[in-house]
Amino acid sequence: MIIDVTGVVLTPGNEGKDCLGNGSFKDNNGNEIECCCDECDFMMCCLPEHSFENCKKCDYVDCPRKE
């Protein structure tokens, strides 16, 4: 599991649609979660230009998309 410094769980890939840090999700209190993408080391994985083949080669142990 990848956790941002703010405590938000990050899920790279799928063009950012599954990542709680992309700014389109709300927390338990209904507040919009701030976008964490600018500081994210995995932002490239969320861009449409980044192929899933590259994700398969990821060497990050906690990546949730790692096979």
N, C-alpha and C. Protein backbone atom coordinates (compact mmCIF):
# COMPACT_ATOMS: atom_id res chain seq x y z
N MET A 1 0.85 -1.17 0.00
CA MET A 1 0.00 0.00 0.00
C MET A 1 0.90 1.24 0.00
N ILE A 2 0.55 2.19 -0.87
CA ILE A 2 1.30 3.43 -0.96
C ILE A 2 0.48 4.52 -0.27
N ILE A 3 1.05 5.14 0.74
CA ILE A 3 0.34 6.17 1.50
C ILE A 3 1.08 7.49 1.36
N ASP A 4 0.36 8.52 0.94
CA ASP A 4 0.91 9.87 0.80
C ASP A 4 1.22 10.43 2.19
N VAL A 5 2.02 11.49 2.25
CA VAL A 5 2.36 12.11 3.53
C VAL A 5 1.11 12.63 4.25
N THR A 6 0.04 12.87 3.50
CA THR A 6 -1.21 13.35 4.11
C THR A 6 -2.06 12.19 4.64
N GLY A 7 -1.63 10.95 4.37
CA GLY A 7 -2.37 9.78 4.82
C GLY A 7 -3.31 9.21 3.78
N VAL A 8 -3.33 9.79 2.58
CA VAL A 8 -4.19 9.33 1.50
C VAL A 8 -3.56 8.11 0.83
N VAL A 9 -4.35 7.07 0.60
CA VAL A 9 -3.86 5.87 -0.08
C VAL A 9 -3.80 6.16 -1.58
N LEU A 10 -2.62 5.94 -2.17
CA LEU A 10 -2.41 6.19 -3.59
C LEU A 10 -2.43 4.88 -4.37
N THR A 11 -3.12 4.89 -5.50
CA THR A 11 -3.18 3.71 -6.38
C THR A 11 -2.81 4.16 -7.79
N PRO A 12 -1.55 3.99 -8.19
CA PRO A 12 -1.14 4.41 -9.52
C PRO A 12 -1.78 3.58 -10.63
N GLY A 13 -1.79 4.13 -11.84
CA GLY A 13 -2.32 3.42 -12.99
C GLY A 13 -3.78 3.75 -13.27
N ASN A 14 -4.33 3.15 -14.34
CA ASN A 14 -5.72 3.33 -14.76
C ASN A 14 -6.07 4.80 -14.94
N GLU A 15 -5.11 5.57 -15.45
CA GLU A 15 -5.26 7.00 -15.68
C GLU A 15 -5.72 7.76 -14.44
N GLY A 16 -5.36 7.25 -13.25
CA GLY A 16 -5.68 7.92 -11.99
C GLY A 16 -7.10 7.74 -11.50
N LYS A 17 -7.91 6.98 -12.22
CA LYS A 17 -9.32 6.83 -11.87
C LYS A 17 -9.54 6.14 -10.53
N ASP A 18 -8.61 5.26 -10.13
CA ASP A 18 -8.75 4.51 -8.88
C ASP A 18 -8.02 5.15 -7.71
N CYS A 19 -7.26 6.20 -7.97
CA CYS A 19 -6.41 6.79 -6.94
C CYS A 19 -7.16 7.81 -6.09
N LEU A 20 -7.18 7.60 -4.81
CA LEU A 20 -7.86 8.52 -3.89
C LEU A 20 -7.18 9.87 -3.83
N GLY A 21 -5.95 9.97 -4.32
CA GLY A 21 -5.21 11.23 -4.29
C GLY A 21 -5.39 12.08 -5.53
N ASN A 22 -6.30 11.71 -6.43
CA ASN A 22 -6.43 12.49 -7.67
C ASN A 22 -7.34 13.70 -7.53
N GLY A 23 -7.90 13.93 -6.37
CA GLY A 23 -8.69 15.14 -6.14
C GLY A 23 -10.16 15.03 -6.47
N SER A 24 -10.62 13.85 -6.90
CA SER A 24 -12.04 13.72 -7.24
C SER A 24 -12.81 12.85 -6.25
N PHE A 25 -12.20 12.55 -5.12
CA PHE A 25 -12.84 11.73 -4.09
C PHE A 25 -13.11 12.57 -2.85
N LYS A 26 -14.03 12.10 -2.03
CA LYS A 26 -14.35 12.79 -0.77
C LYS A 26 -13.96 11.90 0.41
N ASP A 27 -13.56 12.54 1.51
CA ASP A 27 -13.23 11.77 2.71
C ASP A 27 -14.51 11.43 3.47
N ASN A 28 -14.37 10.83 4.63
CA ASN A 28 -15.54 10.39 5.43
C ASN A 28 -16.42 11.55 5.88
N ASN A 29 -15.87 12.76 5.90
CA ASN A 29 -16.64 13.93 6.31
C ASN A 29 -17.28 14.66 5.13
N GLY A 30 -17.08 14.13 3.91
CA GLY A 30 -17.65 14.77 2.73
C GLY A 30 -16.79 15.85 2.12
N ASN A 31 -15.58 16.04 2.67
CA ASN A 31 -14.66 17.04 2.13
C ASN A 31 -13.88 16.44 0.96
N GLU A 32 -13.70 17.24 -0.09
CA GLU A 32 -12.94 16.75 -1.23
C GLU A 32 -11.49 16.55 -0.83
N ILE A 33 -10.92 15.43 -1.22
CA ILE A 33 -9.53 15.13 -0.92
C ILE A 33 -8.65 15.93 -1.86
N GLU A 34 -7.65 16.60 -1.30
CA GLU A 34 -6.74 17.41 -2.10
C GLU A 34 -5.97 16.53 -3.07
N CYS A 35 -5.72 17.06 -4.25
CA CYS A 35 -4.97 16.32 -5.26
C CYS A 35 -3.51 16.15 -4.81
N CYS A 36 -3.02 14.93 -4.83
CA CYS A 36 -1.65 14.63 -4.42
C CYS A 36 -0.74 14.41 -5.63
N CYS A 37 -1.28 14.55 -6.85
CA CYS A 37 -0.54 14.19 -8.05
C CYS A 37 0.76 14.96 -8.24
N ASP A 38 0.78 16.22 -7.88
CA ASP A 38 1.97 17.04 -8.12
C ASP A 38 3.21 16.51 -7.41
N GLU A 39 3.02 15.90 -6.26
CA GLU A 39 4.16 15.39 -5.50
C GLU A 39 4.33 13.88 -5.64
N CYS A 40 3.48 13.24 -6.42
CA CYS A 40 3.48 11.78 -6.47
C CYS A 40 4.58 11.22 -7.37
N ASP A 41 5.36 10.29 -6.84
CA ASP A 41 6.41 9.64 -7.62
C ASP A 41 5.83 8.73 -8.70
N PHE A 42 4.55 8.41 -8.59
CA PHE A 42 3.91 7.47 -9.50
C PHE A 42 2.96 8.15 -10.48
N MET A 43 3.03 9.49 -10.57
CA MET A 43 2.11 10.22 -11.43
C MET A 43 2.20 9.74 -12.88
N MET A 44 3.41 9.43 -13.36
CA MET A 44 3.58 8.96 -14.72
C MET A 44 2.72 7.73 -15.01
N CYS A 45 2.53 6.88 -14.02
CA CYS A 45 1.73 5.67 -14.19
C CYS A 45 0.26 5.97 -14.44
N CYS A 46 -0.17 7.19 -14.13
CA CYS A 46 -1.58 7.55 -14.28
C CYS A 46 -1.86 8.24 -15.61
N LEU A 47 -0.83 8.54 -16.39
CA LEU A 47 -1.02 9.22 -17.66
C LEU A 47 -1.35 8.20 -18.75
N PRO A 48 -2.22 8.56 -19.70
CA PRO A 48 -2.61 7.63 -20.75
C PRO A 48 -1.44 7.17 -21.62
N GLU A 49 -0.37 7.98 -21.68
CA GLU A 49 0.79 7.61 -22.49
C GLU A 49 1.60 6.47 -21.86
N HIS A 50 1.39 6.24 -20.58
CA HIS A 50 2.15 5.22 -19.85
C HIS A 50 1.46 3.87 -20.02
N SER A 51 2.14 2.94 -20.64
CA SER A 51 1.51 1.65 -20.93
C SER A 51 1.51 0.73 -19.72
N PHE A 52 0.56 -0.18 -19.71
CA PHE A 52 0.47 -1.17 -18.64
C PHE A 52 1.71 -2.06 -18.62
N GLU A 53 2.36 -2.23 -19.77
CA GLU A 53 3.58 -3.02 -19.83
C GLU A 53 4.65 -2.44 -18.91
N ASN A 54 4.72 -1.11 -18.84
CA ASN A 54 5.69 -0.46 -17.95
C ASN A 54 5.35 -0.75 -16.49
N CYS A 55 4.06 -0.80 -16.17
CA CYS A 55 3.65 -1.07 -14.80
C CYS A 55 4.05 -2.47 -14.36
N LYS A 56 4.05 -3.41 -15.29
CA LYS A 56 4.44 -4.78 -14.96
C LYS A 56 5.90 -4.86 -14.55
N LYS A 57 6.70 -3.90 -15.02
CA LYS A 57 8.14 -3.89 -14.72
C LYS A 57 8.47 -3.08 -13.47
N CYS A 58 7.46 -2.55 -12.80
CA CYS A 58 7.67 -1.71 -11.62
C CYS A 58 8.40 -2.50 -10.54
N ASP A 59 9.41 -1.89 -9.94
CA ASP A 59 10.16 -2.60 -8.90
C ASP A 59 9.78 -2.12 -7.50
N TYR A 60 8.69 -1.33 -7.40
CA TYR A 60 8.24 -0.86 -6.10
C TYR A 60 7.47 -1.98 -5.40
N VAL A 61 7.97 -2.43 -4.28
CA VAL A 61 7.42 -3.60 -3.58
C VAL A 61 5.94 -3.46 -3.23
N ASP A 62 5.51 -2.28 -2.82
CA ASP A 62 4.13 -2.10 -2.34
C ASP A 62 3.15 -1.66 -3.42
N CYS A 63 3.55 -1.64 -4.68
CA CYS A 63 2.64 -1.19 -5.72
C CYS A 63 1.44 -2.15 -5.81
N PRO A 64 0.20 -1.62 -5.71
CA PRO A 64 -0.97 -2.48 -5.72
C PRO A 64 -1.26 -3.12 -7.08
N ARG A 65 -0.65 -2.63 -8.12
CA ARG A 65 -0.88 -3.19 -9.46
C ARG A 65 0.20 -4.20 -9.85
N LYS A 66 1.18 -4.40 -9.00
CA LYS A 66 2.27 -5.32 -9.32
C LYS A 66 1.75 -6.75 -9.38
N GLU A 67 2.19 -7.46 -10.40
CA GLU A 67 1.74 -8.87 -10.53
C GLU A 67 2.44 -9.76 -9.56
